[in-house]
């Protein structure tokens, strides 16, 4: 049976996603495989443009929101399936077509909790959130390194970001009895890294703005008393 003929009778299609290629499995009303195809990511919309409307399950992951929106615009019922929900339906050893088959099975189950498709605006905010989280992690690493170097020279600073921020200039200026000129230069460089990261984090906070609350994205703990970041359950970073 040709792909074109098979696609016309596929009521459910499962798509396993890769960086450059997608693997498709189509099932008929009895669950039999009637479509099995590997296709370039950039051709997926054209490939399914003339296929009768059907239920499409696509593996939730990186760069799937765009594909899901494109297929939804064609009239298909598109749902993003987290890998954890598809895994129980995989038969035999893992490969791309078996993964696609498992997705096609999982998307038909009412108990499968699918990932909502994000808009461009939501994806922009998510990217901002992730970049800012990375910057906060880098800043934490710098602060921990400063504290470690100080402790190695017998200087302990009270726990808390603001205490180190307040005391570090005086320590570098006055504790030359235990800090060599070389170590002071190292600490000054780290302090500069800290300052630059602070500036970038503050810029991201301004870019994010108060509208993030209305869009349902959680605020990020940046060490100044704001609410902590948290991951959604059932799929982590997909949501």
C-alpha atoms as a PDB file:
ATOM      1  CA  UNK A   1       0.000   0.000   0.000  1.00  0.00           C
ATOM      2  CA  UNK A   2       1.425   3.409  -0.917  1.00  0.00           C
ATOM      3  CA  UNK A   3       1.956   6.139   1.615  1.00  0.00           C
ATOM      4  CA  UNK A   4      -0.707   8.286  -0.021  1.00  0.00           C
ATOM      5  CA  UNK A   5      -3.326   5.536   0.087  1.00  0.00           C
ATOM      6  CA  UNK A   6      -2.320   4.520   3.594  1.00  0.00           C
ATOM      7  CA  UNK A   7      -2.509   8.060   4.891  1.00  0.00           C
ATOM      8  CA  UNK A   8      -6.109   8.461   3.722  1.00  0.00           C
ATOM      9  CA  UNK A   9      -7.269   5.672   6.043  1.00  0.00           C
ATOM     10  CA  UNK A  10      -5.061   6.558   9.031  1.00  0.00           C
ATOM     11  CA  UNK A  11      -7.260   7.766  11.874  1.00  0.00           C
ATOM     12  CA  UNK A  12      -4.370   8.228  14.295  1.00  0.00           C
ATOM     13  CA  UNK A  13      -0.779   9.209  13.517  1.00  0.00           C
ATOM     14  CA  UNK A  14       2.120   9.036  15.948  1.00  0.00           C
ATOM     15  CA  UNK A  15       5.210  11.136  15.287  1.00  0.00           C
ATOM     16  CA  UNK A  16       8.619  10.529  16.858  1.00  0.00           C
ATOM     17  CA  UNK A  17      10.718  13.675  16.571  1.00  0.00           C
ATOM     18  CA  UNK A  18      14.400  14.070  15.810  1.00  0.00           C
ATOM     19  CA  UNK A  19      16.580  17.071  15.059  1.00  0.00           C
ATOM     20  CA  UNK A  20      16.276  16.711  11.293  1.00  0.00           C
ATOM     21  CA  UNK A  21      13.860  13.855  10.648  1.00  0.00           C
ATOM     22  CA  UNK A  22      10.489  12.679  11.886  1.00  0.00           C
ATOM     23  CA  UNK A  23       9.197   9.096  11.958  1.00  0.00           C
ATOM     24  CA  UNK A  24       5.483   8.557  11.346  1.00  0.00           C
ATOM     25  CA  UNK A  25       3.247   5.617  12.167  1.00  0.00           C
ATOM     26  CA  UNK A  26      -0.416   5.708  11.120  1.00  0.00           C
ATOM     27  CA  UNK A  27      -3.097   3.440  12.591  1.00  0.00           C
ATOM     28  CA  UNK A  28      -6.534   2.613  11.217  1.00  0.00           C
ATOM     29  CA  UNK A  29      -9.712   2.190  13.254  1.00  0.00           C
ATOM     30  CA  UNK A  30      -8.657  -1.326  14.263  1.00  0.00           C
ATOM     31  CA  UNK A  31      -5.186  -0.269  15.393  1.00  0.00           C
ATOM     32  CA  UNK A  32      -3.387  -1.790  12.401  1.00  0.00           C
ATOM     33  CA  UNK A  33      -0.396   0.037  10.964  1.00  0.00           C
ATOM     34  CA  UNK A  34      -1.306   1.614   7.615  1.00  0.00           C
ATOM     35  CA  UNK A  35       1.440   4.249   7.418  1.00  0.00           C
ATOM     36  CA  UNK A  36       5.135   3.936   8.132  1.00  0.00           C
ATOM     37  CA  UNK A  37       7.292   6.773   6.920  1.00  0.00           C
ATOM     38  CA  UNK A  38      10.463   8.737   7.643  1.00  0.00           C
ATOM     39  CA  UNK A  39      10.349  12.370   6.573  1.00  0.00           C
ATOM     40  CA  UNK A  40      12.498  15.507   6.837  1.00  0.00           C
ATOM     41  CA  UNK A  41      11.310  17.891   9.552  1.00  0.00           C
ATOM     42  CA  UNK A  42      10.843  20.721   7.068  1.00  0.00           C
ATOM     43  CA  UNK A  43       8.476  18.642   4.901  1.00  0.00           C
ATOM     44  CA  UNK A  44       6.048  17.480   7.578  1.00  0.00           C
ATOM     45  CA  UNK A  45       3.465  20.219   6.964  1.00  0.00           C
ATOM     46  CA  UNK A  46       3.389  19.649   3.209  1.00  0.00           C
ATOM     47  CA  UNK A  47       3.252  15.872   3.734  1.00  0.00           C
ATOM     48  CA  UNK A  48       0.143  16.023   5.932  1.00  0.00           C
ATOM     49  CA  UNK A  49      -1.547  18.982   4.229  1.00  0.00           C
ATOM     50  CA  UNK A  50      -3.827  16.783   2.108  1.00  0.00           C
ATOM     51  CA  UNK A  51      -4.361  14.052   4.667  1.00  0.00           C
ATOM     52  CA  UNK A  52      -7.942  13.890   6.025  1.00  0.00           C
ATOM     53  CA  UNK A  53      -8.284  15.317   9.508  1.00  0.00           C
ATOM     54  CA  UNK A  54      -7.109  12.888  12.130  1.00  0.00           C
ATOM     55  CA  UNK A  55      -5.720  12.609  15.645  1.00  0.00           C
ATOM     56  CA  UNK A  56      -1.963  13.245  15.696  1.00  0.00           C
ATOM     57  CA  UNK A  57       0.260  12.517  18.657  1.00  0.00           C
ATOM     58  CA  UNK A  58       3.710  14.083  18.580  1.00  0.00           C
ATOM     59  CA  UNK A  59       6.459  13.407  21.062  1.00  0.00           C
ATOM     60  CA  UNK A  60       6.737  16.394  23.397  1.00  0.00           C
ATOM     61  CA  UNK A  61      10.197  17.865  23.404  1.00  0.00           C
ATOM     62  CA  UNK A  62      12.438  20.494  21.907  1.00  0.00           C
ATOM     63  CA  UNK A  63      11.021  22.332  18.865  1.00  0.00           C
ATOM     64  CA  UNK A  64       7.716  20.442  18.808  1.00  0.00           C
ATOM     65  CA  UNK A  65       5.451  23.384  19.617  1.00  0.00           C
ATOM     66  CA  UNK A  66       6.052  24.891  16.184  1.00  0.00           C
ATOM     67  CA  UNK A  67       5.280  21.609  14.405  1.00  0.00           C
ATOM     68  CA  UNK A  68       2.165  21.104  16.539  1.00  0.00           C
ATOM     69  CA  UNK A  69       0.874  24.588  15.666  1.00  0.00           C
ATOM     70  CA  UNK A  70       1.527  24.042  11.951  1.00  0.00           C
ATOM     71  CA  UNK A  71      -0.342  20.733  11.918  1.00  0.00           C
ATOM     72  CA  UNK A  72      -3.194  22.148  13.996  1.00  0.00           C
ATOM     73  CA  UNK A  73      -3.572  24.920  11.406  1.00  0.00           C
ATOM     74  CA  UNK A  74      -4.260  22.183   8.837  1.00  0.00           C
ATOM     75  CA  UNK A  75      -7.277  21.076  10.882  1.00  0.00           C
ATOM     76  CA  UNK A  76      -5.746  18.061  12.629  1.00  0.00           C
ATOM     77  CA  UNK A  77      -6.303  17.334  16.308  1.00  0.00           C
ATOM     78  CA  UNK A  78      -2.702  17.550  17.507  1.00  0.00           C
ATOM     79  CA  UNK A  79      -1.566  16.571  20.992  1.00  0.00           C
ATOM     80  CA  UNK A  80       1.948  16.531  22.444  1.00  0.00           C
ATOM     81  CA  UNK A  81       2.640  13.313  24.336  1.00  0.00           C
ATOM     82  CA  UNK A  82       5.363  13.253  27.019  1.00  0.00           C
ATOM     83  CA  UNK A  83       7.807  10.342  26.508  1.00  0.00           C
ATOM     84  CA  UNK A  84       6.930   8.957  29.938  1.00  0.00           C
ATOM     85  CA  UNK A  85       3.337   8.342  28.812  1.00  0.00           C
ATOM     86  CA  UNK A  86       4.368   6.686  25.543  1.00  0.00           C
ATOM     87  CA  UNK A  87       7.013   4.378  27.044  1.00  0.00           C
ATOM     88  CA  UNK A  88       4.577   1.730  28.389  1.00  0.00           C
ATOM     89  CA  UNK A  89       3.204   1.223  24.863  1.00  0.00           C
ATOM     90  CA  UNK A  90       6.576   0.593  23.196  1.00  0.00           C
ATOM     91  CA  UNK A  91       6.877  -2.953  21.879  1.00  0.00           C
ATOM     92  CA  UNK A  92      10.304  -4.565  21.743  1.00  0.00           C
ATOM     93  CA  UNK A  93      13.624  -2.766  21.660  1.00  0.00           C
ATOM     94  CA  UNK A  94      13.614   0.990  21.275  1.00  0.00           C
ATOM     95  CA  UNK A  95      13.802   2.504  17.809  1.00  0.00           C
ATOM     96  CA  UNK A  96      12.245   5.530  16.136  1.00  0.00           C
ATOM     97  CA  UNK A  97       9.343   3.736  14.442  1.00  0.00           C
ATOM     98  CA  UNK A  98       8.471   1.817  17.602  1.00  0.00           C
ATOM     99  CA  UNK A  99       8.519   5.080  19.516  1.00  0.00           C
ATOM    100  CA  UNK A 100       6.154   6.611  16.952  1.00  0.00           C
ATOM    101  CA  UNK A 101       3.864   3.575  17.288  1.00  0.00           C
ATOM    102  CA  UNK A 102       3.873   3.945  21.073  1.00  0.00           C
ATOM    103  CA  UNK A 103       2.957   7.627  20.739  1.00  0.00           C
ATOM    104  CA  UNK A 104       0.072   6.756  18.412  1.00  0.00           C
ATOM    105  CA  UNK A 105      -1.230   4.297  21.011  1.00  0.00           C
ATOM    106  CA  UNK A 106      -0.725   6.643  23.972  1.00  0.00           C
ATOM    107  CA  UNK A 107      -2.410   9.667  22.397  1.00  0.00           C
ATOM    108  CA  UNK A 108      -5.698   7.713  22.107  1.00  0.00           C
ATOM    109  CA  UNK A 109      -5.854   7.036  25.855  1.00  0.00           C
ATOM    110  CA  UNK A 110      -8.003   9.456  27.889  1.00  0.00           C
ATOM    111  CA  UNK A 111      -5.575   9.125  30.803  1.00  0.00           C
ATOM    112  CA  UNK A 112      -2.623  10.513  28.821  1.00  0.00           C
ATOM    113  CA  UNK A 113      -1.813  13.994  30.087  1.00  0.00           C
ATOM    114  CA  UNK A 114      -0.701  15.879  27.001  1.00  0.00           C
ATOM    115  CA  UNK A 115       1.409  19.022  26.893  1.00  0.00           C
ATOM    116  CA  UNK A 116      -0.454  22.210  25.866  1.00  0.00           C
ATOM    117  CA  UNK A 117       0.872  23.835  22.702  1.00  0.00           C
ATOM    118  CA  UNK A 118       2.626  27.127  23.483  1.00  0.00           C
ATOM    119  CA  UNK A 119       2.258  30.331  21.499  1.00  0.00           C
ATOM    120  CA  UNK A 120       5.267  32.284  20.244  1.00  0.00           C
ATOM    121  CA  UNK A 121       4.840  34.732  23.128  1.00  0.00           C
ATOM    122  CA  UNK A 122       4.844  31.906  25.667  1.00  0.00           C
ATOM    123  CA  UNK A 123       7.942  30.377  24.076  1.00  0.00           C
ATOM    124  CA  UNK A 124       9.704  33.746  24.260  1.00  0.00           C
ATOM    125  CA  UNK A 125       8.921  33.991  27.966  1.00  0.00           C
ATOM    126  CA  UNK A 126      10.044  30.406  28.519  1.00  0.00           C
ATOM    127  CA  UNK A 127      13.368  31.150  26.792  1.00  0.00           C
ATOM    128  CA  UNK A 128      13.806  34.244  28.948  1.00  0.00           C
ATOM    129  CA  UNK A 129      13.058  32.161  32.033  1.00  0.00           C
ATOM    130  CA  UNK A 130      15.630  29.510  31.122  1.00  0.00           C
ATOM    131  CA  UNK A 131      18.388  31.981  30.267  1.00  0.00           C
ATOM    132  CA  UNK A 132      17.824  33.844  33.524  1.00  0.00           C
ATOM    133  CA  UNK A 133      17.889  30.587  35.480  1.00  0.00           C
ATOM    134  CA  UNK A 134      21.251  29.769  33.889  1.00  0.00           C
ATOM    135  CA  UNK A 135      22.610  33.219  34.802  1.00  0.00           C
ATOM    136  CA  UNK A 136      21.476  32.759  38.401  1.00  0.00           C
ATOM    137  CA  UNK A 137      23.251  29.388  38.494  1.00  0.00           C
ATOM    138  CA  UNK A 138      26.450  30.979  37.177  1.00  0.00           C
ATOM    139  CA  UNK A 139      26.219  33.734  39.768  1.00  0.00           C
ATOM    140  CA  UNK A 140      25.757  31.186  42.540  1.00  0.00           C
ATOM    141  CA  UNK A 141      28.889  29.377  41.351  1.00  0.00           C
ATOM    142  CA  UNK A 142      30.890  32.634  41.439  1.00  0.00           C
ATOM    143  CA  UNK A 143      29.651  33.465  44.946  1.00  0.00           C
ATOM    144  CA  UNK A 144      30.477  29.975  46.208  1.00  0.00           C
ATOM    145  CA  UNK A 145      33.960  30.251  44.749  1.00  0.00           C
ATOM    146  CA  UNK A 146      34.521  33.593  46.474  1.00  0.00           C
ATOM    147  CA  UNK A 147      33.370  32.135  49.792  1.00  0.00           C
ATOM    148  CA  UNK A 148      35.617  29.114  49.317  1.00  0.00           C
ATOM    149  CA  UNK A 149      38.694  31.229  48.635  1.00  0.00           C
ATOM    150  CA  UNK A 150      37.961  33.396  51.678  1.00  0.00           C
ATOM    151  CA  UNK A 151      37.544  30.363  53.923  1.00  0.00           C
ATOM    152  CA  UNK A 152      40.851  28.960  52.717  1.00  0.00           C
ATOM    153  CA  UNK A 153      42.444  32.119  54.125  1.00  0.00           C
ATOM    154  CA  UNK A 154      40.535  31.998  57.410  1.00  0.00           C
ATOM    155  CA  UNK A 155      37.863  34.563  56.528  1.00  0.00           C
ATOM    156  CA  UNK A 156      34.263  33.503  57.180  1.00  0.00           C
ATOM    157  CA  UNK A 157      31.296  35.604  56.073  1.00  0.00           C
ATOM    158  CA  UNK A 158      27.775  35.152  57.365  1.00  0.00           C
ATOM    159  CA  UNK A 159      25.568  33.054  55.072  1.00  0.00           C
ATOM    160  CA  UNK A 160      23.452  35.097  52.695  1.00  0.00           C
ATOM    161  CA  UNK A 161      24.104  36.910  49.462  1.00  0.00           C
ATOM    162  CA  UNK A 162      23.650  40.414  50.894  1.00  0.00           C
ATOM    163  CA  UNK A 163      26.178  39.893  53.683  1.00  0.00           C
ATOM    164  CA  UNK A 164      28.919  38.878  51.278  1.00  0.00           C
ATOM    165  CA  UNK A 165      28.007  41.713  48.936  1.00  0.00           C
ATOM    166  CA  UNK A 166      28.309  44.239  51.781  1.00  0.00           C
ATOM    167  CA  UNK A 167      31.510  42.892  53.339  1.00  0.00           C
ATOM    168  CA  UNK A 168      33.591  41.894  50.323  1.00  0.00           C
ATOM    169  CA  UNK A 169      34.896  45.407  49.452  1.00  0.00           C
ATOM    170  CA  UNK A 170      36.141  45.938  53.040  1.00  0.00           C
ATOM    171  CA  UNK A 171      37.695  42.476  53.135  1.00  0.00           C
ATOM    172  CA  UNK A 172      39.660  43.096  49.942  1.00  0.00           C
ATOM    173  CA  UNK A 173      40.752  46.521  51.161  1.00  0.00           C
ATOM    174  CA  UNK A 174      41.709  45.625  54.739  1.00  0.00           C
ATOM    175  CA  UNK A 175      42.616  41.946  54.987  1.00  0.00           C
ATOM    176  CA  UNK A 176      45.952  42.212  53.251  1.00  0.00           C
ATOM    177  CA  UNK A 177      47.418  40.434  56.254  1.00  0.00           C
ATOM    178  CA  UNK A 178      46.032  37.107  54.947  1.00  0.00           C
ATOM    179  CA  UNK A 179      45.263  37.867  51.304  1.00  0.00           C
ATOM    180  CA  UNK A 180      48.178  38.173  48.886  1.00  0.00           C
ATOM    181  CA  UNK A 181      48.092  40.774  46.064  1.00  0.00           C
ATOM    182  CA  UNK A 182      47.546  37.933  43.606  1.00  0.00           C
ATOM    183  CA  UNK A 183      44.580  36.572  45.554  1.00  0.00           C
ATOM    184  CA  UNK A 184      43.092  40.051  45.839  1.00  0.00           C
ATOM    185  CA  UNK A 185      43.258  40.435  42.052  1.00  0.00           C
ATOM    186  CA  UNK A 186      41.573  37.057  41.615  1.00  0.00           C
ATOM    187  CA  UNK A 187      38.821  38.074  44.028  1.00  0.00           C
ATOM    188  CA  UNK A 188      38.363  41.420  42.287  1.00  0.00           C
ATOM    189  CA  UNK A 189      37.943  39.618  38.959  1.00  0.00           C
ATOM    190  CA  UNK A 190      35.343  37.331  40.511  1.00  0.00           C
ATOM    191  CA  UNK A 191      33.599  40.344  42.017  1.00  0.00           C
ATOM    192  CA  UNK A 192      33.464  41.868  38.533  1.00  0.00           C
ATOM    193  CA  UNK A 193      31.918  38.649  37.177  1.00  0.00           C
ATOM    194  CA  UNK A 194      29.360  38.804  39.960  1.00  0.00           C
ATOM    195  CA  UNK A 195      28.495  42.425  39.138  1.00  0.00           C
ATOM    196  CA  UNK A 196      28.074  41.714  35.412  1.00  0.00           C
ATOM    197  CA  UNK A 197      25.830  38.727  36.141  1.00  0.00           C
ATOM    198  CA  UNK A 198      23.752  40.886  38.495  1.00  0.00           C
ATOM    199  CA  UNK A 199      23.265  43.405  35.705  1.00  0.00           C
ATOM    200  CA  UNK A 200      22.140  40.750  33.214  1.00  0.00           C
ATOM    201  CA  UNK A 201      19.770  39.170  35.744  1.00  0.00           C
ATOM    202  CA  UNK A 202      18.206  42.552  36.493  1.00  0.00           C
ATOM    203  CA  UNK A 203      17.793  43.204  32.779  1.00  0.00           C
ATOM    204  CA  UNK A 204      15.984  39.902  32.357  1.00  0.00           C
ATOM    205  CA  UNK A 205      13.695  40.797  35.240  1.00  0.00           C
ATOM    206  CA  UNK A 206      12.803  44.072  33.525  1.00  0.00           C
ATOM    207  CA  UNK A 207      12.273  42.318  30.191  1.00  0.00           C
ATOM    208  CA  UNK A 208      10.026  39.762  31.792  1.00  0.00           C
ATOM    209  CA  UNK A 209       7.815  42.333  33.482  1.00  0.00           C
ATOM    210  CA  UNK A 210       4.693  41.838  35.506  1.00  0.00           C
ATOM    211  CA  UNK A 211       2.848  40.274  32.550  1.00  0.00           C
ATOM    212  CA  UNK A 212       4.484  36.935  33.287  1.00  0.00           C
ATOM    213  CA  UNK A 213       2.104  36.419  36.202  1.00  0.00           C
ATOM    214  CA  UNK A 214      -0.877  36.750  33.885  1.00  0.00           C
ATOM    215  CA  UNK A 215       0.664  34.289  31.422  1.00  0.00           C
ATOM    216  CA  UNK A 216       1.037  31.639  34.114  1.00  0.00           C
ATOM    217  CA  UNK A 217       4.838  31.423  34.231  1.00  0.00           C
ATOM    218  CA  UNK A 218       6.320  31.181  37.745  1.00  0.00           C
ATOM    219  CA  UNK A 219       8.705  33.877  38.960  1.00  0.00           C
ATOM    220  CA  UNK A 220      12.348  32.993  39.567  1.00  0.00           C
ATOM    221  CA  UNK A 221      14.235  33.089  42.835  1.00  0.00           C
ATOM    222  CA  UNK A 222      17.177  35.391  42.194  1.00  0.00           C
ATOM    223  CA  UNK A 223      18.419  35.491  45.764  1.00  0.00           C
ATOM    224  CA  UNK A 224      16.507  38.658  46.695  1.00  0.00           C
ATOM    225  CA  UNK A 225      13.381  37.148  48.177  1.00  0.00           C
ATOM    226  CA  UNK A 226      11.397  36.429  45.017  1.00  0.00           C
ATOM    227  CA  UNK A 227       9.432  33.214  44.710  1.00  0.00           C
ATOM    228  CA  UNK A 228      11.478  30.177  43.656  1.00  0.00           C
ATOM    229  CA  UNK A 229      11.449  28.570  40.258  1.00  0.00           C
ATOM    230  CA  UNK A 230       9.685  25.224  40.090  1.00  0.00           C
ATOM    231  CA  UNK A 231       9.120  22.600  37.423  1.00  0.00           C
ATOM    232  CA  UNK A 232       5.706  21.295  36.574  1.00  0.00           C
ATOM    233  CA  UNK A 233       5.017  17.696  37.389  1.00  0.00           C
ATOM    234  CA  UNK A 234       4.519  14.993  34.751  1.00  0.00           C
ATOM    235  CA  UNK A 235       7.086  15.935  32.176  1.00  0.00           C
ATOM    236  CA  UNK A 236       9.384  18.558  33.712  1.00  0.00           C
ATOM    237  CA  UNK A 237      10.502  21.148  31.207  1.00  0.00           C
ATOM    238  CA  UNK A 238       7.924  20.319  28.523  1.00  0.00           C
ATOM    239  CA  UNK A 239       5.256  22.481  30.166  1.00  0.00           C
END
